[in-house]
PDB file of all heavy atoms in Angstrom:
ATOM      1  N   ASN A   1     -21.342 -70.557  37.147  1.00  0.00           N
ATOM      2  CA  ASN A   1     -22.498 -70.169  37.933  1.00  0.00           C
ATOM      3  C   ASN A   1     -21.889 -69.281  39.127  1.00  0.00           C
ATOM      4  O   ASN A   1     -20.777 -69.364  39.704  1.00  0.00           O
ATOM      5  CB  ASN A   1     -23.203 -71.311  38.488  1.00  0.00           C
ATOM      6  CG  ASN A   1     -23.809 -71.988  37.405  1.00  0.00           C
ATOM      7  OD1 ASN A   1     -24.817 -71.648  36.841  1.00  0.00           O
ATOM      8  ND2 ASN A   1     -23.474 -73.310  37.147  1.00  0.00           N
ATOM      9  N   LEU A   2     -22.806 -68.417  39.555  1.00  0.00           N
ATOM     10  CA  LEU A   2     -22.691 -67.521  40.666  1.00  0.00           C
ATOM     11  C   LEU A   2     -23.505 -68.102  41.881  1.00  0.00           C
ATOM     12  O   LEU A   2     -24.652 -68.492  41.683  1.00  0.00           O
ATOM     13  CB  LEU A   2     -23.012 -66.263  40.494  1.00  0.00           C
ATOM     14  CG  LEU A   2     -22.163 -65.332  39.435  1.00  0.00           C
ATOM     15  CD1 LEU A   2     -22.585 -63.860  39.460  1.00  0.00           C
ATOM     16  CD2 LEU A   2     -20.675 -65.456  39.631  1.00  0.00           C
ATOM     17  N   PHE A   3     -22.988 -68.190  43.011  1.00  0.00           N
ATOM     18  CA  PHE A   3     -23.752 -68.620  44.290  1.00  0.00           C
ATOM     19  C   PHE A   3     -23.738 -67.518  45.386  1.00  0.00           C
ATOM     20  O   PHE A   3     -22.722 -66.817  45.478  1.00  0.00           O
ATOM     21  CB  PHE A   3     -22.991 -69.887  44.872  1.00  0.00           C
ATOM     22  CG  PHE A   3     -23.022 -71.030  43.882  1.00  0.00           C
ATOM     23  CD1 PHE A   3     -22.074 -71.119  42.859  1.00  0.00           C
ATOM     24  CD2 PHE A   3     -23.831 -72.097  44.074  1.00  0.00           C
ATOM     25  CE1 PHE A   3     -22.019 -72.212  41.954  1.00  0.00           C
ATOM     26  CE2 PHE A   3     -23.788 -73.239  43.241  1.00  0.00           C
ATOM     27  CZ  PHE A   3     -22.849 -73.300  42.191  1.00  0.00           C
ATOM     28  N   LEU A   4     -24.899 -67.484  46.109  1.00  0.00           N
ATOM     29  CA  LEU A   4     -24.928 -66.495  47.178  1.00  0.00           C
ATOM     30  C   LEU A   4     -25.085 -67.340  48.438  1.00  0.00           C
ATOM     31  O   LEU A   4     -26.072 -67.980  48.575  1.00  0.00           O
ATOM     32  CB  LEU A   4     -26.042 -65.525  46.993  1.00  0.00           C
ATOM     33  CG  LEU A   4     -26.295 -64.511  48.199  1.00  0.00           C
ATOM     34  CD1 LEU A   4     -25.102 -63.592  48.243  1.00  0.00           C
ATOM     35  CD2 LEU A   4     -27.527 -63.779  47.865  1.00  0.00           C
ATOM     36  N   ILE A   5     -24.040 -67.412  49.373  1.00  0.00           N
ATOM     37  CA  ILE A   5     -23.991 -68.202  50.390  1.00  0.00           C
ATOM     38  C   ILE A   5     -23.652 -67.573  51.762  1.00  0.00           C
ATOM     39  O   ILE A   5     -23.133 -66.436  51.582  1.00  0.00           O
ATOM     40  CB  ILE A   5     -23.024 -69.496  50.218  1.00  0.00           C
ATOM     41  CG1 ILE A   5     -21.594 -68.860  50.128  1.00  0.00           C
ATOM     42  CG2 ILE A   5     -23.395 -70.158  49.045  1.00  0.00           C
ATOM     43  CD1 ILE A   5     -20.483 -69.878  49.959  1.00  0.00           C
ATOM     44  N   PRO A   6     -24.000 -68.149  52.871  1.00  0.00           N
ATOM     45  CA  PRO A   6     -23.550 -67.477  54.079  1.00  0.00           C
ATOM     46  C   PRO A   6     -22.003 -67.404  54.331  1.00  0.00           C
ATOM     47  O   PRO A   6     -21.418 -68.293  53.727  1.00  0.00           O
ATOM     48  CB  PRO A   6     -24.081 -68.405  55.234  1.00  0.00           C
ATOM     49  CG  PRO A   6     -25.213 -69.141  54.531  1.00  0.00           C
ATOM     50  CD  PRO A   6     -24.857 -69.390  53.073  1.00  0.00           C
ATOM     51  N   ALA A   7     -21.507 -66.302  54.739  1.00  0.00           N
ATOM     52  CA  ALA A   7     -20.154 -66.161  54.963  1.00  0.00           C
ATOM     53  C   ALA A   7     -19.517 -67.172  55.928  1.00  0.00           C
ATOM     54  O   ALA A   7     -20.073 -67.391  56.974  1.00  0.00           O
ATOM     55  CB  ALA A   7     -19.758 -64.725  55.341  1.00  0.00           C
ATOM     56  N   GLY A   8     -18.358 -67.768  55.512  1.00  0.00           N
ATOM     57  CA  GLY A   8     -17.683 -68.686  56.511  1.00  0.00           C
ATOM     58  C   GLY A   8     -18.366 -70.098  56.559  1.00  0.00           C
ATOM     59  O   GLY A   8     -19.497 -70.232  56.068  1.00  0.00           O
ATOM     60  N   ASP A   9     -17.957 -70.938  57.386  1.00  0.00           N
ATOM     61  CA  ASP A   9     -18.480 -72.207  57.711  1.00  0.00           C
ATOM     62  C   ASP A   9     -19.415 -72.158  58.921  1.00  0.00           C
ATOM     63  O   ASP A   9     -18.778 -71.816  60.044  1.00  0.00           O
ATOM     64  CB  ASP A   9     -17.301 -73.256  57.779  1.00  0.00           C
ATOM     65  CG  ASP A   9     -17.898 -74.735  57.777  1.00  0.00           C
ATOM     66  OD1 ASP A   9     -19.202 -74.749  57.882  1.00  0.00           O
ATOM     67  OD2 ASP A   9     -17.160 -75.585  57.609  1.00  0.00           O
ATOM     68  N   THR A  10     -20.716 -72.261  58.707  1.00  0.00           N
ATOM     69  CA  THR A  10     -21.581 -72.118  59.912  1.00  0.00           C
ATOM     70  C   THR A  10     -21.688 -73.319  60.808  1.00  0.00           C
ATOM     71  O   THR A  10     -22.321 -73.313  61.728  1.00  0.00           O
ATOM     72  CB  THR A  10     -23.010 -71.836  59.416  1.00  0.00           C
ATOM     73  OG1 THR A  10     -23.464 -72.771  58.578  1.00  0.00           O
ATOM     74  CG2 THR A  10     -23.046 -70.371  58.797  1.00  0.00           C
ATOM     75  N   VAL A  11     -21.030 -74.458  60.329  1.00  0.00           N
ATOM     76  CA  VAL A  11     -20.960 -75.649  61.146  1.00  0.00           C
ATOM     77  C   VAL A  11     -19.764 -75.702  62.001  1.00  0.00           C
ATOM     78  O   VAL A  11     -18.749 -75.225  61.690  1.00  0.00           O
ATOM     79  CB  VAL A  11     -20.886 -76.915  60.146  1.00  0.00           C
ATOM     80  CG1 VAL A  11     -20.926 -78.216  60.901  1.00  0.00           C
ATOM     81  CG2 VAL A  11     -22.093 -76.824  59.144  1.00  0.00           C
ATOM     82  N   LYS A  12     -19.919 -76.299  63.164  1.00  0.00           N
ATOM     83  CA  LYS A  12     -18.825 -76.300  64.247  1.00  0.00           C
ATOM     84  C   LYS A  12     -17.616 -77.099  63.625  1.00  0.00           C
ATOM     85  O   LYS A  12     -17.810 -78.023  62.661  1.00  0.00           O
ATOM     86  CB  LYS A  12     -19.219 -77.036  65.464  1.00  0.00           C
ATOM     87  CG  LYS A  12     -20.227 -76.256  66.216  1.00  0.00           C
ATOM     88  CD  LYS A  12     -20.667 -77.027  67.489  1.00  0.00           C
ATOM     89  CE  LYS A  12     -21.579 -76.185  68.365  1.00  0.00           C
ATOM     90  NZ  LYS A  12     -22.096 -76.848  69.598  1.00  0.00           N
ATOM     91  N   ASN A  13     -16.449 -76.749  64.095  1.00  0.00           N
ATOM     92  CA  ASN A  13     -15.280 -77.365  63.471  1.00  0.00           C
ATOM     93  C   ASN A  13     -14.909 -78.615  64.156  1.00  0.00           C
ATOM     94  O   ASN A  13     -13.706 -78.892  64.739  1.00  0.00           O
ATOM     95  CB  ASN A  13     -14.051 -76.218  63.828  1.00  0.00           C
ATOM     96  CG  ASN A  13     -12.844 -76.640  62.852  1.00  0.00           C
ATOM     97  OD1 ASN A  13     -12.963 -77.368  61.869  1.00  0.00           O
ATOM     98  ND2 ASN A  13     -11.727 -76.294  63.485  1.00  0.00           N
ATOM     99  N   THR A  14     -15.884 -79.594  64.115  1.00  0.00           N
ATOM    100  CA  THR A  14     -15.634 -80.787  64.743  1.00  0.00           C
ATOM    101  C   THR A  14     -15.119 -81.704  63.624  1.00  0.00           C
ATOM    102  O   THR A  14     -15.583 -81.908  62.607  1.00  0.00           O
ATOM    103  CB  THR A  14     -16.872 -81.440  65.210  1.00  0.00           C
ATOM    104  OG1 THR A  14     -17.482 -80.627  66.227  1.00  0.00           O
ATOM    105  CG2 THR A  14     -16.778 -82.910  65.873  1.00  0.00           C
ATOM    106  N   LEU A  15     -13.974 -82.428  63.837  1.00  0.00           N
ATOM    107  CA  LEU A  15     -13.227 -83.189  62.827  1.00  0.00           C
ATOM    108  C   LEU A  15     -13.824 -84.536  62.744  1.00  0.00           C
ATOM    109  O   LEU A  15     -13.786 -85.259  61.734  1.00  0.00           O
ATOM    110  CB  LEU A  15     -11.817 -83.183  63.002  1.00  0.00           C
ATOM    111  CG  LEU A  15     -11.186 -81.847  62.797  1.00  0.00           C
ATOM    112  CD1 LEU A  15      -9.560 -81.965  63.117  1.00  0.00           C
ATOM    113  CD2 LEU A  15     -11.344 -81.189  61.542  1.00  0.00           C
ATOM    114  N   LEU A  16     -14.140 -85.207  63.984  1.00  0.00           N
ATOM    115  CA  LEU A  16     -14.560 -86.563  63.915  1.00  0.00           C
ATOM    116  C   LEU A  16     -15.440 -86.876  65.077  1.00  0.00           C
ATOM    117  O   LEU A  16     -15.339 -86.383  66.269  1.00  0.00           O
ATOM    118  CB  LEU A  16     -13.259 -87.419  64.049  1.00  0.00           C
ATOM    119  CG  LEU A  16     -13.457 -89.007  64.078  1.00  0.00           C
ATOM    120  CD1 LEU A  16     -12.259 -89.653  63.321  1.00  0.00           C
ATOM    121  CD2 LEU A  16     -13.535 -89.486  65.449  1.00  0.00           C
ATOM    122  N   GLN A  17     -16.397 -87.771  65.035  1.00  0.00           N
ATOM    123  CA  GLN A  17     -17.318 -88.240  66.141  1.00  0.00           C
ATOM    124  C   GLN A  17     -17.689 -89.621  65.967  1.00  0.00           C
ATOM    125  O   GLN A  17     -18.095 -90.080  64.915  1.00  0.00           O
ATOM    126  CB  GLN A  17     -18.483 -87.349  66.046  1.00  0.00           C
ATOM    127  CG  GLN A  17     -19.542 -87.722  67.267  1.00  0.00           C
ATOM    128  CD  GLN A  17     -20.863 -86.954  67.224  1.00  0.00           C
ATOM    129  OE1 GLN A  17     -20.824 -85.748  66.767  1.00  0.00           O
ATOM    130  NE2 GLN A  17     -21.813 -87.305  67.834  1.00  0.00           N
ATOM    131  N   ALA A  18     -17.268 -90.376  66.936  1.00  0.00           N
ATOM    132  CA  ALA A  18     -17.539 -91.899  66.924  1.00  0.00           C
ATOM    133  C   ALA A  18     -19.073 -92.131  67.283  1.00  0.00           C
ATOM    134  O   ALA A  18     -19.628 -91.340  68.077  1.00  0.00           O
ATOM    135  CB  ALA A  18     -16.694 -92.615  67.891  1.00  0.00           C
ATOM    136  N   PHE A  19     -19.590 -93.184  66.714  1.00  0.00           N
ATOM    137  CA  PHE A  19     -20.970 -93.470  67.135  1.00  0.00           C
ATOM    138  C   PHE A  19     -21.214 -95.012  66.700  1.00  0.00           C
ATOM    139  O   PHE A  19     -20.444 -95.649  65.956  1.00  0.00           O
ATOM    140  CB  PHE A  19     -21.976 -92.539  66.326  1.00  0.00           C
ATOM    141  CG  PHE A  19     -22.106 -92.775  64.880  1.00  0.00           C
ATOM    142  CD1 PHE A  19     -23.098 -93.586  64.391  1.00  0.00           C
ATOM    143  CD2 PHE A  19     -21.098 -92.268  63.982  1.00  0.00           C
ATOM    144  CE1 PHE A  19     -23.185 -93.715  63.024  1.00  0.00           C
ATOM    145  CE2 PHE A  19     -21.242 -92.425  62.614  1.00  0.00           C
ATOM    146  CZ  PHE A  19     -22.294 -93.221  62.125  1.00  0.00           C
ATOM    147  N   GLN A  20     -22.274 -95.451  67.236  1.00  0.00           N
ATOM    148  CA  GLN A  20     -22.823 -96.899  66.822  1.00  0.00           C
ATOM    149  C   GLN A  20     -24.125 -96.801  66.375  1.00  0.00           C
ATOM    150  O   GLN A  20     -24.994 -96.073  66.969  1.00  0.00           O
ATOM    151  CB  GLN A  20     -22.523 -97.927  67.980  1.00  0.00           C
ATOM    152  CG  GLN A  20     -21.141 -98.272  68.190  1.00  0.00           C
ATOM    153  CD  GLN A  20     -21.138 -99.548  69.146  1.00  0.00           C
ATOM    154  OE1 GLN A  20     -21.780 -99.578  70.267  1.00  0.00           O
ATOM    155  NE2 GLN A  20     -20.259-100.517  68.797  1.00  0.00           N
ATOM    156  N   TRP A  21     -24.525 -97.612  65.400  1.00  0.00           N
ATOM    157  CA  TRP A  21     -25.994 -97.613  64.943  1.00  0.00           C
ATOM    158  C   TRP A  21     -26.619 -98.764  65.559  1.00  0.00           C
ATOM    159  O   TRP A  21     -26.185 -99.937  65.332  1.00  0.00           O
ATOM    160  CB  TRP A  21     -25.927 -97.703  63.335  1.00  0.00           C
ATOM    161  CG  TRP A  21     -27.286 -97.772  62.722  1.00  0.00           C
ATOM    162  CD1 TRP A  21     -28.293 -96.782  62.876  1.00  0.00           C
ATOM    163  CD2 TRP A  21     -27.840 -98.724  62.015  1.00  0.00           C
ATOM    164  NE1 TRP A  21     -29.373 -97.052  62.228  1.00  0.00           N
ATOM    165  CE2 TRP A  21     -29.200 -98.308  61.665  1.00  0.00           C
ATOM    166  CE3 TRP A  21     -27.370 -99.924  61.439  1.00  0.00           C
ATOM    167  CZ2 TRP A  21     -30.102 -99.014  60.832  1.00  0.00           C
ATOM    168  CZ3 TRP A  21     -28.329-100.709  60.724  1.00  0.00           C
ATOM    169  CH2 TRP A  21     -29.559-100.222  60.389  1.00  0.00           C
ATOM    170  N   GLN A  22     -27.828 -98.599  65.992  1.00  0.00           N
ATOM    171  CA  GLN A  22     -28.585 -99.550  66.663  1.00  0.00           C
ATOM    172  C   GLN A  22     -30.022 -99.760  66.078  1.00  0.00           C
ATOM    173  O   GLN A  22     -30.943-100.235  66.594  1.00  0.00           O
ATOM    174  CB  GLN A  22     -28.833 -99.241  68.197  1.00  0.00           C
ATOM    175  CG  GLN A  22     -27.542 -99.065  68.993  1.00  0.00           C
ATOM    176  CD  GLN A  22     -26.779-100.444  69.032  1.00  0.00           C
ATOM    177  OE1 GLN A  22     -27.394-101.545  69.154  1.00  0.00           O
ATOM    178  NE2 GLN A  22     -25.491-100.328  68.984  1.00  0.00           N
ATOM    179  N   GLY A  23     -30.019 -99.488  64.673  1.00  0.00           N
ATOM    180  CA  GLY A  23     -31.352 -99.655  63.934  1.00  0.00           C
ATOM    181  C   GLY A  23     -32.144 -98.404  63.790  1.00  0.00           C
ATOM    182  O   GLY A  23     -33.303 -98.635  63.367  1.00  0.00           O
ATOM    183  N   GLU A  24     -31.615 -97.241  64.220  1.00  0.00           N
ATOM    184  CA  GLU A  24     -32.385 -96.035  64.163  1.00  0.00           C
ATOM    185  C   GLU A  24     -32.690 -95.708  62.669  1.00  0.00           C
ATOM    186  O   GLU A  24     -31.846 -96.072  61.801  1.00  0.00           O
ATOM    187  CB  GLU A  24     -31.731 -94.950  64.860  1.00  0.00           C
ATOM    188  CG  GLU A  24     -31.480 -95.115  66.346  1.00  0.00           C
ATOM    189  CD  GLU A  24     -30.133 -95.582  66.557  1.00  0.00           C
ATOM    190  OE1 GLU A  24     -29.600 -96.444  65.843  1.00  0.00           O
ATOM    191  OE2 GLU A  24     -29.590 -95.442  67.690  1.00  0.00           O
ATOM    192  N   LEU A  25     -33.839 -94.963  62.411  1.00  0.00           N
ATOM    193  CA  LEU A  25     -34.122 -94.542  61.071  1.00  0.00           C
ATOM    194  C   LEU A  25     -33.311 -93.376  60.770  1.00  0.00           C
ATOM    195  O   LEU A  25     -33.004 -93.032  59.556  1.00  0.00           O
ATOM    196  CB  LEU A  25     -35.534 -94.334  60.926  1.00  0.00           C
ATOM    197  CG  LEU A  25     -36.459 -95.514  60.933  1.00  0.00           C
ATOM    198  CD1 LEU A  25     -37.927 -95.184  60.768  1.00  0.00           C
ATOM    199  CD2 LEU A  25     -36.120 -96.562  59.903  1.00  0.00           C
ATOM    200  N   GLU A  26     -32.871 -92.629  61.884  1.00  0.00           N
ATOM    201  CA  GLU A  26     -32.115 -91.381  61.573  1.00  0.00           C
ATOM    202  C   GLU A  26     -31.166 -91.081  62.741  1.00  0.00           C
ATOM    203  O   GLU A  26     -31.696 -91.295  63.946  1.00  0.00           O
ATOM    204  CB  GLU A  26     -33.006 -90.193  61.153  1.00  0.00           C
ATOM    205  CG  GLU A  26     -34.038 -89.781  62.147  1.00  0.00           C
ATOM    206  CD  GLU A  26     -34.844 -88.709  61.615  1.00  0.00           C
ATOM    207  OE1 GLU A  26     -35.494 -88.781  60.497  1.00  0.00           O
ATOM    208  OE2 GLU A  26     -35.021 -87.690  62.462  1.00  0.00           O
ATOM    209  N   MET A  27     -30.181 -90.419  62.620  1.00  0.00           N
ATOM    210  CA  MET A  27     -29.362 -89.877  63.766  1.00  0.00           C
ATOM    211  C   MET A  27     -28.773 -88.432  63.452  1.00  0.00           C
ATOM    212  O   MET A  27     -28.319 -88.254  62.353  1.00  0.00           O
ATOM    213  CB  MET A  27     -28.169 -90.885  63.879  1.00  0.00           C
ATOM    214  CG  MET A  27     -28.475 -92.182  64.332  1.00  0.00           C
ATOM    215  SD  MET A  27     -26.958 -93.289  64.484  1.00  0.00           S
ATOM    216  CE  MET A  27     -26.332 -92.669  66.005  1.00  0.00           C
ATOM    217  N   ALA A  28     -29.155 -87.671  64.339  1.00  0.00           N
ATOM    218  CA  ALA A  28     -28.625 -86.204  64.261  1.00  0.00           C
ATOM    219  C   ALA A  28     -27.262 -85.985  64.737  1.00  0.00           C
ATOM    220  O   ALA A  28     -26.850 -86.494  65.724  1.00  0.00           O
ATOM    221  CB  ALA A  28     -29.620 -85.199  65.064  1.00  0.00           C
ATOM    222  N   PHE A  29     -26.566 -85.157  63.834  1.00  0.00           N
ATOM    223  CA  PHE A  29     -25.151 -84.949  64.177  1.00  0.00           C
ATOM    224  C   PHE A  29     -25.007 -83.364  64.160  1.00  0.00           C
ATOM    225  O   PHE A  29     -24.691 -82.752  63.107  1.00  0.00           O
ATOM    226  CB  PHE A  29     -24.239 -85.537  63.220  1.00  0.00           C
ATOM    227  CG  PHE A  29     -24.207 -87.070  63.370  1.00  0.00           C
ATOM    228  CD1 PHE A  29     -25.026 -87.793  62.658  1.00  0.00           C
ATOM    229  CD2 PHE A  29     -23.420 -87.571  64.321  1.00  0.00           C
ATOM    230  CE1 PHE A  29     -24.931 -89.181  62.747  1.00  0.00           C
ATOM    231  CE2 PHE A  29     -23.338 -88.984  64.448  1.00  0.00           C
ATOM    232  CZ  PHE A  29     -24.107 -89.739  63.740  1.00  0.00           C
ATOM    233  N   PRO A  30     -25.484 -82.529  65.214  1.00  0.00           N
ATOM    234  CA  PRO A  30     -25.508 -81.113  65.177  1.00  0.00           C
ATOM    235  C   PRO A  30     -24.122 -80.402  64.901  1.00  0.00           C
ATOM    236  O   PRO A  30     -24.136 -79.411  64.122  1.00  0.00           O
ATOM    237  CB  PRO A  30     -26.014 -80.691  66.533  1.00  0.00           C
ATOM    238  CG  PRO A  30     -26.764 -81.991  67.095  1.00  0.00           C
ATOM    239  CD  PRO A  30     -26.075 -83.130  66.406  1.00  0.00           C
ATOM    240  N   ASP A  31     -23.104 -81.028  65.330  1.00  0.00           N
ATOM    241  CA  ASP A  31     -21.857 -80.471  64.948  1.00  0.00           C
ATOM    242  C   ASP A  31     -21.403 -80.524  63.628  1.00  0.00           C
ATOM    243  O   ASP A  31     -20.583 -79.747  63.102  1.00  0.00           O
ATOM    244  CB  ASP A  31     -20.697 -81.188  65.841  1.00  0.00           C
ATOM    245  CG  ASP A  31     -20.829 -80.853  67.344  1.00  0.00           C
ATOM    246  OD1 ASP A  31     -21.646 -79.988  67.589  1.00  0.00           O
ATOM    247  OD2 ASP A  31     -20.019 -81.348  68.076  1.00  0.00           O
ATOM    248  N   PHE A  32     -22.076 -81.470  62.870  1.00  0.00           N
ATOM    249  CA  PHE A  32     -21.753 -81.519  61.461  1.00  0.00           C
ATOM    250  C   PHE A  32     -22.911 -80.883  60.492  1.00  0.00           C
ATOM    251  O   PHE A  32     -22.803 -80.939  59.339  1.00  0.00           O
ATOM    252  CB  PHE A  32     -21.653 -83.047  60.962  1.00  0.00           C
ATOM    253  CG  PHE A  32     -20.362 -83.617  61.455  1.00  0.00           C
ATOM    254  CD1 PHE A  32     -20.248 -84.114  62.737  1.00  0.00           C
ATOM    255  CD2 PHE A  32     -19.242 -83.651  60.776  1.00  0.00           C
ATOM    256  CE1 PHE A  32     -19.146 -84.728  63.308  1.00  0.00           C
ATOM    257  CE2 PHE A  32     -18.075 -84.085  61.265  1.00  0.00           C
ATOM    258  CZ  PHE A  32     -17.994 -84.658  62.581  1.00  0.00           C
TER     259      PHE A  32
END
């Protein structure tokens, strides 16, 4: 298959982010 995608990685180069879950239905991680 051929794919047409944006050039390069458009997501920030964040390697790791710590967090805790408190029962939320969703959590946003913009850097990822």
